[in-house]
Amino acid sequence: MKKLWILLLLFTPMVWSQDDDEDLKTKDGVKVEIGVDGYFSAGTNGGNLGAGLKLGIRANSDSQVIGGPSFRIFRTWSNGYLTTAPSSFNVLGVGAWCHVRFQNVLYLGGEFEVLKVPPGYFYTTPGASQVWIPTLFLGGGYSKSFGEKFRVNLGIFYDVINNLNNPYRAAYLTKKKVGPNGQLGALIPILYRIELFINLN
């Protein structure tokens, strides 16, 4: 009996050690982050004001690839550029995104969204019947973590699809004035975004 108790005493620390190792593996498993970006842009053509919410998933703490679903709401207004009269309305959006981070300094990524606009809305094409407008932004910028909880991204994105009735167009960059009458040049589909990510693990 004494030998049995001695064996149990020797074996128990080994069991607890294995349990601790499993706990460490679990803690270093999938990482979840919540991202929030504020957006504001205004000019002679109009502007946008709103925010987006991102759910980000990483395979583990060492992974530099993160992505997931996204949601967006913003207010947009136009001062009548290429339309019959000034207008304003709310826009809702859903999508998916993926970023790759480099050395806690830079990031590159893509963000796909479909934006729901009011029926009958148009920006440059009267009579358009689209209610869901697709966008695909590619870009990147500066990325910096602050401790293990927070990360800030400062990025520039280019809309590859550049739909002519995209409500973002009211805030896109405009080329210099051209022509004898000083009419505005073509729009450049570029956006600036500031994002804050919070680590939930």
Protein backbone atom coordinates (compact mmCIF):
# COMPACT_ATOMS: atom_id res chain seq x y z
CA MET A 1 0.00 0.00 0.00
CA LYS A 2 2.83 2.39 0.82
CA LYS A 3 4.36 1.73 -2.60
CA LEU A 4 1.01 2.59 -4.24
CA TRP A 5 0.81 5.94 -2.41
CA ILE A 6 4.37 6.73 -3.39
CA LEU A 7 3.58 6.01 -7.08
CA LEU A 8 0.47 8.24 -6.93
CA LEU A 9 2.45 11.08 -5.39
CA LEU A 10 5.07 10.82 -8.11
CA PHE A 11 2.52 10.58 -10.94
CA THR A 12 0.20 13.45 -9.86
CA PRO A 13 2.64 16.32 -10.62
CA MET A 14 3.15 14.86 -14.11
CA VAL A 15 -0.62 14.94 -14.73
CA TRP A 16 -0.91 18.57 -13.55
CA SER A 17 2.07 19.50 -15.72
CA GLN A 18 0.36 18.06 -18.81
CA ASP A 19 -2.84 19.94 -17.95
CA ASP A 20 -0.87 23.19 -17.67
CA ASP A 21 0.69 22.57 -21.09
CA GLU A 22 -2.77 22.03 -22.60
CA ASP A 23 -3.99 25.28 -21.00
CA LEU A 24 -1.07 27.17 -22.55
CA LYS A 25 -1.88 25.71 -25.96
CA THR A 26 -5.52 26.76 -25.57
CA LYS A 27 -4.56 30.28 -24.55
CA ASP A 28 -2.33 30.56 -27.62
CA GLY A 29 -5.08 29.36 -29.95
CA VAL A 30 -7.41 31.43 -32.11
CA LYS A 31 -7.22 35.17 -31.43
CA VAL A 32 -10.23 37.45 -31.86
CA GLU A 33 -10.13 41.22 -32.41
CA ILE A 34 -12.77 43.91 -32.86
CA GLY A 35 -11.92 46.74 -35.24
CA VAL A 36 -13.59 50.16 -35.50
CA ASP A 37 -12.88 52.74 -38.16
CA GLY A 38 -14.12 56.29 -38.28
CA TYR A 39 -14.57 57.93 -41.65
CA PHE A 40 -15.02 61.56 -42.60
CA SER A 41 -14.46 63.35 -45.86
CA ALA A 42 -15.92 66.54 -47.28
CA GLY A 43 -15.30 68.75 -50.27
CA THR A 44 -16.96 70.86 -52.92
CA ASN A 45 -18.84 67.80 -54.25
CA GLY A 46 -20.17 66.53 -50.91
CA GLY A 47 -18.96 64.15 -48.26
CA ASN A 48 -19.40 61.16 -45.96
CA LEU A 49 -19.47 60.68 -42.18
CA GLY A 50 -19.70 57.26 -40.59
CA ALA A 51 -18.11 54.22 -38.98
CA GLY A 52 -17.36 50.59 -39.67
CA LEU A 53 -17.14 47.54 -37.42
CA LYS A 54 -14.83 44.61 -38.17
CA LEU A 55 -14.62 41.18 -36.54
CA GLY A 56 -11.06 39.86 -36.97
CA ILE A 57 -9.77 36.32 -36.46
CA ARG A 58 -6.11 35.20 -36.30
CA ALA A 59 -4.96 31.57 -36.14
CA ASN A 60 -2.71 32.29 -33.14
CA SER A 61 -0.71 35.06 -31.47
CA ASP A 62 2.14 34.71 -33.98
CA SER A 63 -0.06 34.95 -37.09
CA GLN A 64 0.23 38.20 -39.05
CA VAL A 65 -2.84 37.45 -41.21
CA ILE A 66 -6.22 38.58 -39.90
CA GLY A 67 -9.66 38.79 -41.49
CA GLY A 68 -13.40 38.32 -41.07
CA PRO A 69 -16.80 39.97 -41.65
CA SER A 70 -17.45 43.72 -41.60
CA PHE A 71 -20.43 46.03 -41.11
CA ARG A 72 -20.81 49.70 -41.97
CA ILE A 73 -23.15 52.65 -41.57
CA PHE A 74 -22.57 56.21 -42.71
CA ARG A 75 -24.29 59.40 -43.75
CA THR A 76 -23.50 60.75 -47.18
CA TRP A 77 -24.42 64.00 -48.85
CA SER A 78 -23.96 65.55 -52.25
CA ASN A 79 -23.90 69.24 -53.11
CA GLY A 80 -25.47 68.61 -56.49
CA TYR A 81 -22.32 67.55 -58.36
CA LEU A 82 -23.57 65.73 -61.49
CA THR A 83 -27.07 65.52 -59.99
CA THR A 84 -30.15 67.69 -60.26
CA ALA A 85 -30.19 68.84 -56.61
CA PRO A 86 -28.36 68.45 -53.28
CA SER A 87 -29.25 65.29 -51.38
CA SER A 88 -28.37 63.29 -48.24
CA PHE A 89 -29.19 59.79 -46.96
CA ASN A 90 -27.97 56.88 -44.82
CA VAL A 91 -26.02 53.93 -46.24
CA LEU A 92 -25.71 50.44 -44.72
CA GLY A 93 -23.05 47.94 -45.74
CA VAL A 94 -21.79 44.40 -45.12
CA GLY A 95 -18.68 42.66 -46.39
CA ALA A 96 -15.46 40.78 -45.69
CA TRP A 97 -11.84 41.87 -45.24
CA CYS A 98 -8.29 40.56 -44.84
CA HIS A 99 -5.09 42.33 -43.71
CA VAL A 100 -1.47 41.17 -43.56
CA ARG A 101 0.74 42.91 -40.98
CA PHE A 102 4.50 43.43 -41.37
CA GLN A 103 6.93 43.96 -38.47
CA ASN A 104 4.45 46.04 -36.45
CA VAL A 105 4.97 48.92 -38.91
CA LEU A 106 3.06 48.30 -42.16
CA TYR A 107 -0.02 46.44 -43.35
CA LEU A 108 -1.55 45.54 -46.72
CA GLY A 109 -5.07 44.34 -47.34
CA GLY A 110 -8.30 44.11 -49.23
CA GLU A 111 -11.81 45.05 -48.10
CA PHE A 112 -14.95 44.03 -50.01
CA GLU A 113 -18.27 45.67 -49.19
CA VAL A 114 -21.75 45.89 -50.64
CA LEU A 115 -23.56 49.11 -49.76
CA LYS A 116 -27.34 49.42 -49.58
CA VAL A 117 -28.57 52.72 -50.99
CA PRO A 118 -32.14 54.08 -51.13
CA PRO A 119 -34.28 52.91 -54.10
CA GLY A 120 -34.00 55.34 -56.99
CA TYR A 121 -30.66 56.72 -55.81
CA PHE A 122 -28.12 57.62 -58.47
CA TYR A 123 -24.87 59.54 -58.50
CA THR A 124 -23.89 59.72 -62.17
CA THR A 125 -26.37 57.43 -63.95
CA PRO A 126 -30.02 58.60 -63.76
CA GLY A 127 -32.58 55.81 -63.75
CA ALA A 128 -30.23 53.26 -62.19
CA SER A 129 -32.11 50.53 -60.34
CA GLN A 130 -29.23 49.15 -58.24
CA VAL A 131 -29.92 48.99 -54.51
CA TRP A 132 -26.73 47.13 -53.52
CA ILE A 133 -23.49 48.76 -54.73
CA PRO A 134 -20.27 46.64 -54.64
CA THR A 135 -16.88 48.06 -53.65
CA LEU A 136 -13.43 46.44 -53.47
CA PHE A 137 -10.74 48.50 -51.74
CA LEU A 138 -7.08 47.49 -51.98
CA GLY A 139 -4.35 49.32 -50.10
CA GLY A 140 -2.45 49.58 -46.86
CA GLY A 141 -0.50 51.89 -44.64
CA TYR A 142 0.95 52.31 -41.15
CA SER A 143 0.13 49.76 -38.44
CA LYS A 144 1.26 49.95 -34.81
CA SER A 145 0.33 47.93 -31.71
CA PHE A 146 0.23 49.45 -28.23
CA GLY A 147 0.77 46.64 -25.75
CA GLU A 148 -1.18 43.44 -26.32
CA LYS A 149 -4.64 45.04 -26.36
CA PHE A 150 -4.68 47.83 -28.95
CA ARG A 151 -3.55 48.42 -32.53
CA VAL A 152 -3.95 51.49 -34.78
CA ASN A 153 -4.01 51.43 -38.60
CA LEU A 154 -3.66 54.49 -40.83
CA GLY A 155 -4.38 53.49 -44.41
CA ILE A 156 -5.04 54.59 -47.99
CA PHE A 157 -7.34 52.44 -50.16
CA TYR A 158 -8.15 52.38 -53.87
CA ASP A 159 -11.59 51.21 -55.08
CA VAL A 160 -10.90 48.72 -57.88
CA ILE A 161 -14.57 48.37 -58.92
CA ASN A 162 -15.25 52.13 -58.93
CA ASN A 163 -18.99 51.78 -59.56
CA LEU A 164 -20.35 54.98 -61.11
CA ASN A 165 -23.21 55.09 -58.59
CA ASN A 166 -21.06 54.34 -55.55
CA PRO A 167 -22.09 56.73 -52.73
CA TYR A 168 -18.42 57.00 -51.71
CA ARG A 169 -17.80 58.96 -54.92
CA ALA A 170 -19.00 62.16 -53.28
CA ALA A 171 -15.82 62.10 -51.19
CA TYR A 172 -13.28 60.72 -53.70
CA LEU A 173 -10.32 62.88 -54.71
CA THR A 174 -10.88 65.13 -57.70
CA LYS A 175 -8.33 65.92 -60.37
CA LYS A 176 -7.42 69.51 -61.10
CA LYS A 177 -9.87 71.64 -63.04
CA VAL A 178 -9.62 71.15 -66.78
CA GLY A 179 -11.13 72.72 -69.86
CA PRO A 180 -11.73 76.35 -70.85
CA ASN A 181 -14.70 76.70 -68.50
CA GLY A 182 -12.83 75.27 -65.50
CA GLN A 183 -15.00 72.14 -65.26
CA LEU A 184 -13.92 69.50 -62.75
CA GLY A 185 -11.76 66.59 -63.87
CA ALA A 186 -12.30 62.89 -63.25
CA LEU A 187 -12.67 61.47 -59.74
CA ILE A 188 -9.87 59.31 -58.28
CA PRO A 189 -11.42 56.47 -56.19
CA ILE A 190 -9.15 56.82 -53.14
CA LEU A 191 -10.21 56.74 -49.48
CA TYR A 192 -8.33 57.32 -46.21
CA ARG A 193 -9.17 55.16 -43.18
CA ILE A 194 -8.17 55.21 -39.51
CA GLU A 195 -8.82 51.94 -37.65
CA LEU A 196 -8.57 50.90 -33.99
CA PHE A 197 -8.35 47.17 -33.19
CA ILE A 198 -9.00 45.73 -29.71
CA ASN A 199 -7.73 42.25 -28.80
CA LEU A 200 -10.51 40.36 -26.98
CA ASN A 201 -8.35 37.42 -25.78
